[in-house]
N, C-alpha and C. Protein backbone atom coordinates (compact mmCIF):
# COMPACT_ATOMS: atom_id res chain seq x y z
N MET A 1 0.84 -1.17 0.00
CA MET A 1 0.00 0.00 0.00
C MET A 1 0.90 1.24 0.00
N THR A 2 0.52 2.22 -0.80
CA THR A 2 1.36 3.41 -0.94
C THR A 2 1.22 4.34 0.27
N PRO A 3 2.23 5.16 0.52
CA PRO A 3 2.15 6.12 1.62
C PRO A 3 0.96 7.07 1.47
N GLU A 4 0.60 7.38 0.21
CA GLU A 4 -0.54 8.27 -0.02
C GLU A 4 -1.83 7.63 0.49
N TYR A 5 -2.00 6.33 0.20
CA TYR A 5 -3.18 5.61 0.69
C TYR A 5 -3.20 5.59 2.22
N LEU A 6 -2.05 5.33 2.82
CA LEU A 6 -1.98 5.28 4.27
C LEU A 6 -2.36 6.62 4.90
N ARG A 7 -1.85 7.70 4.33
CA ARG A 7 -2.20 9.03 4.84
C ARG A 7 -3.68 9.33 4.66
N GLU A 8 -4.22 8.93 3.51
CA GLU A 8 -5.64 9.19 3.24
C GLU A 8 -6.53 8.38 4.17
N ILE A 9 -6.17 7.14 4.44
CA ILE A 9 -6.94 6.32 5.38
C ILE A 9 -6.92 6.97 6.76
N CYS A 10 -5.75 7.41 7.17
CA CYS A 10 -5.62 8.06 8.47
C CYS A 10 -6.45 9.35 8.52
N ARG A 11 -6.39 10.14 7.47
CA ARG A 11 -7.15 11.40 7.43
C ARG A 11 -8.65 11.13 7.49
N LEU A 12 -9.11 10.17 6.69
CA LEU A 12 -10.54 9.85 6.68
C LEU A 12 -10.99 9.28 8.02
N ARG A 13 -10.15 8.45 8.62
CA ARG A 13 -10.50 7.87 9.92
C ARG A 13 -10.56 8.96 10.99
N ASP A 14 -9.65 9.93 10.93
CA ASP A 14 -9.68 11.06 11.86
C ASP A 14 -10.97 11.86 11.71
N ASN A 15 -11.54 11.84 10.50
CA ASN A 15 -12.81 12.53 10.24
C ASN A 15 -14.01 11.63 10.51
N LYS A 16 -13.76 10.54 11.26
CA LYS A 16 -14.82 9.62 11.72
C LYS A 16 -15.45 8.76 10.63
N ALA A 17 -14.78 8.57 9.50
CA ALA A 17 -15.30 7.69 8.46
C ALA A 17 -15.13 6.24 8.91
N LYS A 18 -16.08 5.41 8.59
CA LYS A 18 -16.04 3.99 8.92
C LYS A 18 -15.18 3.25 7.89
N PRO A 19 -14.59 2.12 8.28
CA PRO A 19 -13.73 1.38 7.34
C PRO A 19 -14.39 1.07 6.00
N LYS A 20 -15.66 0.70 5.99
CA LYS A 20 -16.34 0.40 4.72
C LYS A 20 -16.45 1.66 3.86
N GLN A 21 -16.70 2.81 4.48
CA GLN A 21 -16.78 4.05 3.73
C GLN A 21 -15.42 4.40 3.12
N ILE A 22 -14.38 4.22 3.90
CA ILE A 22 -13.02 4.51 3.42
C ILE A 22 -12.69 3.57 2.26
N ALA A 23 -12.99 2.30 2.42
CA ALA A 23 -12.70 1.32 1.37
C ALA A 23 -13.41 1.68 0.07
N ARG A 24 -14.68 2.06 0.17
CA ARG A 24 -15.43 2.45 -1.03
C ARG A 24 -14.79 3.66 -1.71
N LYS A 25 -14.46 4.65 -0.90
CA LYS A 25 -13.90 5.89 -1.45
C LYS A 25 -12.56 5.65 -2.14
N LEU A 26 -11.75 4.76 -1.60
CA LEU A 26 -10.40 4.53 -2.13
C LEU A 26 -10.31 3.30 -3.03
N SER A 27 -11.45 2.66 -3.29
CA SER A 27 -11.49 1.44 -4.11
C SER A 27 -10.58 0.35 -3.56
N LEU A 28 -10.68 0.14 -2.25
CA LEU A 28 -9.93 -0.90 -1.58
C LEU A 28 -10.91 -1.90 -0.95
N ARG A 29 -10.39 -3.04 -0.54
CA ARG A 29 -11.22 -4.00 0.19
C ARG A 29 -11.33 -3.54 1.64
N PRO A 30 -12.50 -3.69 2.26
CA PRO A 30 -12.65 -3.30 3.67
C PRO A 30 -11.61 -3.96 4.58
N ALA A 31 -11.25 -5.20 4.29
CA ALA A 31 -10.24 -5.90 5.10
C ALA A 31 -8.88 -5.18 5.05
N GLU A 32 -8.54 -4.64 3.89
CA GLU A 32 -7.27 -3.90 3.77
C GLU A 32 -7.30 -2.65 4.64
N VAL A 33 -8.41 -1.96 4.60
CA VAL A 33 -8.54 -0.73 5.39
C VAL A 33 -8.52 -1.06 6.87
N LYS A 34 -9.24 -2.09 7.28
CA LYS A 34 -9.26 -2.48 8.70
C LYS A 34 -7.87 -2.85 9.18
N ALA A 35 -7.10 -3.53 8.35
CA ALA A 35 -5.73 -3.92 8.73
C ALA A 35 -4.86 -2.69 8.95
N VAL A 36 -5.00 -1.70 8.09
CA VAL A 36 -4.22 -0.47 8.22
C VAL A 36 -4.63 0.27 9.50
N ILE A 37 -5.93 0.36 9.74
CA ILE A 37 -6.43 1.05 10.94
C ILE A 37 -5.93 0.34 12.20
N GLN A 38 -5.98 -0.98 12.19
CA GLN A 38 -5.52 -1.74 13.35
C GLN A 38 -4.02 -1.54 13.56
N GLN A 39 -3.26 -1.55 12.50
CA GLN A 39 -1.81 -1.34 12.62
C GLN A 39 -1.51 0.05 13.16
N GLN A 40 -2.22 1.05 12.68
CA GLN A 40 -2.03 2.41 13.16
C GLN A 40 -2.40 2.53 14.64
N ALA A 41 -3.47 1.85 15.04
CA ALA A 41 -3.89 1.87 16.45
C ALA A 41 -2.84 1.20 17.33
N THR A 42 -2.28 0.10 16.85
CA THR A 42 -1.25 -0.60 17.61
C THR A 42 -0.02 0.28 17.78
N GLU A 43 0.40 0.93 16.70
CA GLU A 43 1.56 1.82 16.77
C GLU A 43 1.31 2.99 17.71
N LYS A 44 0.11 3.54 17.67
CA LYS A 44 -0.24 4.67 18.55
C LYS A 44 -0.22 4.22 20.01
N TYR A 45 -0.79 3.05 20.27
CA TYR A 45 -0.83 2.52 21.63
C TYR A 45 0.58 2.24 22.15
N GLN A 46 1.41 1.62 21.32
CA GLN A 46 2.77 1.30 21.74
C GLN A 46 3.58 2.56 21.98
N ALA A 47 3.35 3.59 21.18
CA ALA A 47 4.05 4.86 21.39
C ALA A 47 3.64 5.49 22.71
N THR A 48 2.37 5.38 23.03
CA THR A 48 1.87 5.91 24.31
C THR A 48 2.52 5.18 25.48
N LEU A 49 2.58 3.85 25.37
CA LEU A 49 3.21 3.08 26.45
C LEU A 49 4.70 3.36 26.56
N SER A 50 5.36 3.47 25.44
CA SER A 50 6.80 3.74 25.44
C SER A 50 7.09 5.10 26.09
N ALA A 51 6.24 6.08 25.81
CA ALA A 51 6.42 7.40 26.40
C ALA A 51 6.26 7.35 27.91
N ASP A 52 5.42 6.44 28.40
CA ASP A 52 5.19 6.29 29.84
C ASP A 52 6.16 5.30 30.48
N GLY A 53 7.00 4.65 29.67
CA GLY A 53 7.95 3.68 30.17
C GLY A 53 7.33 2.35 30.53
N LEU A 54 6.18 2.03 29.95
CA LEU A 54 5.48 0.78 30.24
C LEU A 54 5.77 -0.26 29.17
N SER A 55 5.38 -1.49 29.44
CA SER A 55 5.57 -2.59 28.50
C SER A 55 4.71 -2.38 27.26
N PRO A 56 5.26 -2.58 26.05
CA PRO A 56 4.49 -2.34 24.83
C PRO A 56 3.59 -3.49 24.38
N LYS A 57 3.29 -4.47 25.23
CA LYS A 57 2.38 -5.54 24.84
C LYS A 57 0.97 -4.97 24.73
N VAL A 58 0.25 -5.40 23.71
CA VAL A 58 -1.06 -4.83 23.42
C VAL A 58 -2.17 -5.87 23.65
N PRO A 59 -2.91 -5.75 24.75
CA PRO A 59 -4.06 -6.65 24.94
C PRO A 59 -5.16 -6.31 23.93
N GLN A 60 -5.83 -7.32 23.40
CA GLN A 60 -6.87 -7.10 22.38
C GLN A 60 -7.96 -6.17 22.87
N LYS A 61 -8.40 -6.31 24.13
CA LYS A 61 -9.47 -5.45 24.65
C LYS A 61 -9.06 -3.99 24.62
N VAL A 62 -7.82 -3.72 24.97
CA VAL A 62 -7.33 -2.33 24.97
C VAL A 62 -7.21 -1.82 23.53
N LEU A 63 -6.71 -2.66 22.64
CA LEU A 63 -6.54 -2.26 21.26
C LEU A 63 -7.88 -1.83 20.65
N GLN A 64 -8.95 -2.52 20.98
CA GLN A 64 -10.26 -2.21 20.42
C GLN A 64 -10.71 -0.80 20.78
N THR A 65 -10.25 -0.25 21.91
CA THR A 65 -10.65 1.11 22.29
C THR A 65 -10.04 2.15 21.37
N PHE A 66 -8.95 1.81 20.68
CA PHE A 66 -8.31 2.75 19.77
C PHE A 66 -8.89 2.68 18.36
N LEU A 67 -9.71 1.69 18.05
CA LEU A 67 -10.27 1.51 16.72
C LEU A 67 -11.52 2.30 16.51
């Protein structure tokens, strides 16, 4: 996936677009968009933990709050 697509997915998600809406707009499969969103959420969560000096393991329940 190109950096442009990644930025656009992030921008649309920040504007509260749902994964299916983003997929339709960008002509992608919803699963591709969900994977990108999940990866971005994981990276955001790990960065938050690293900044606090905590362990970067990501429990699924916590990860879902970032999606």
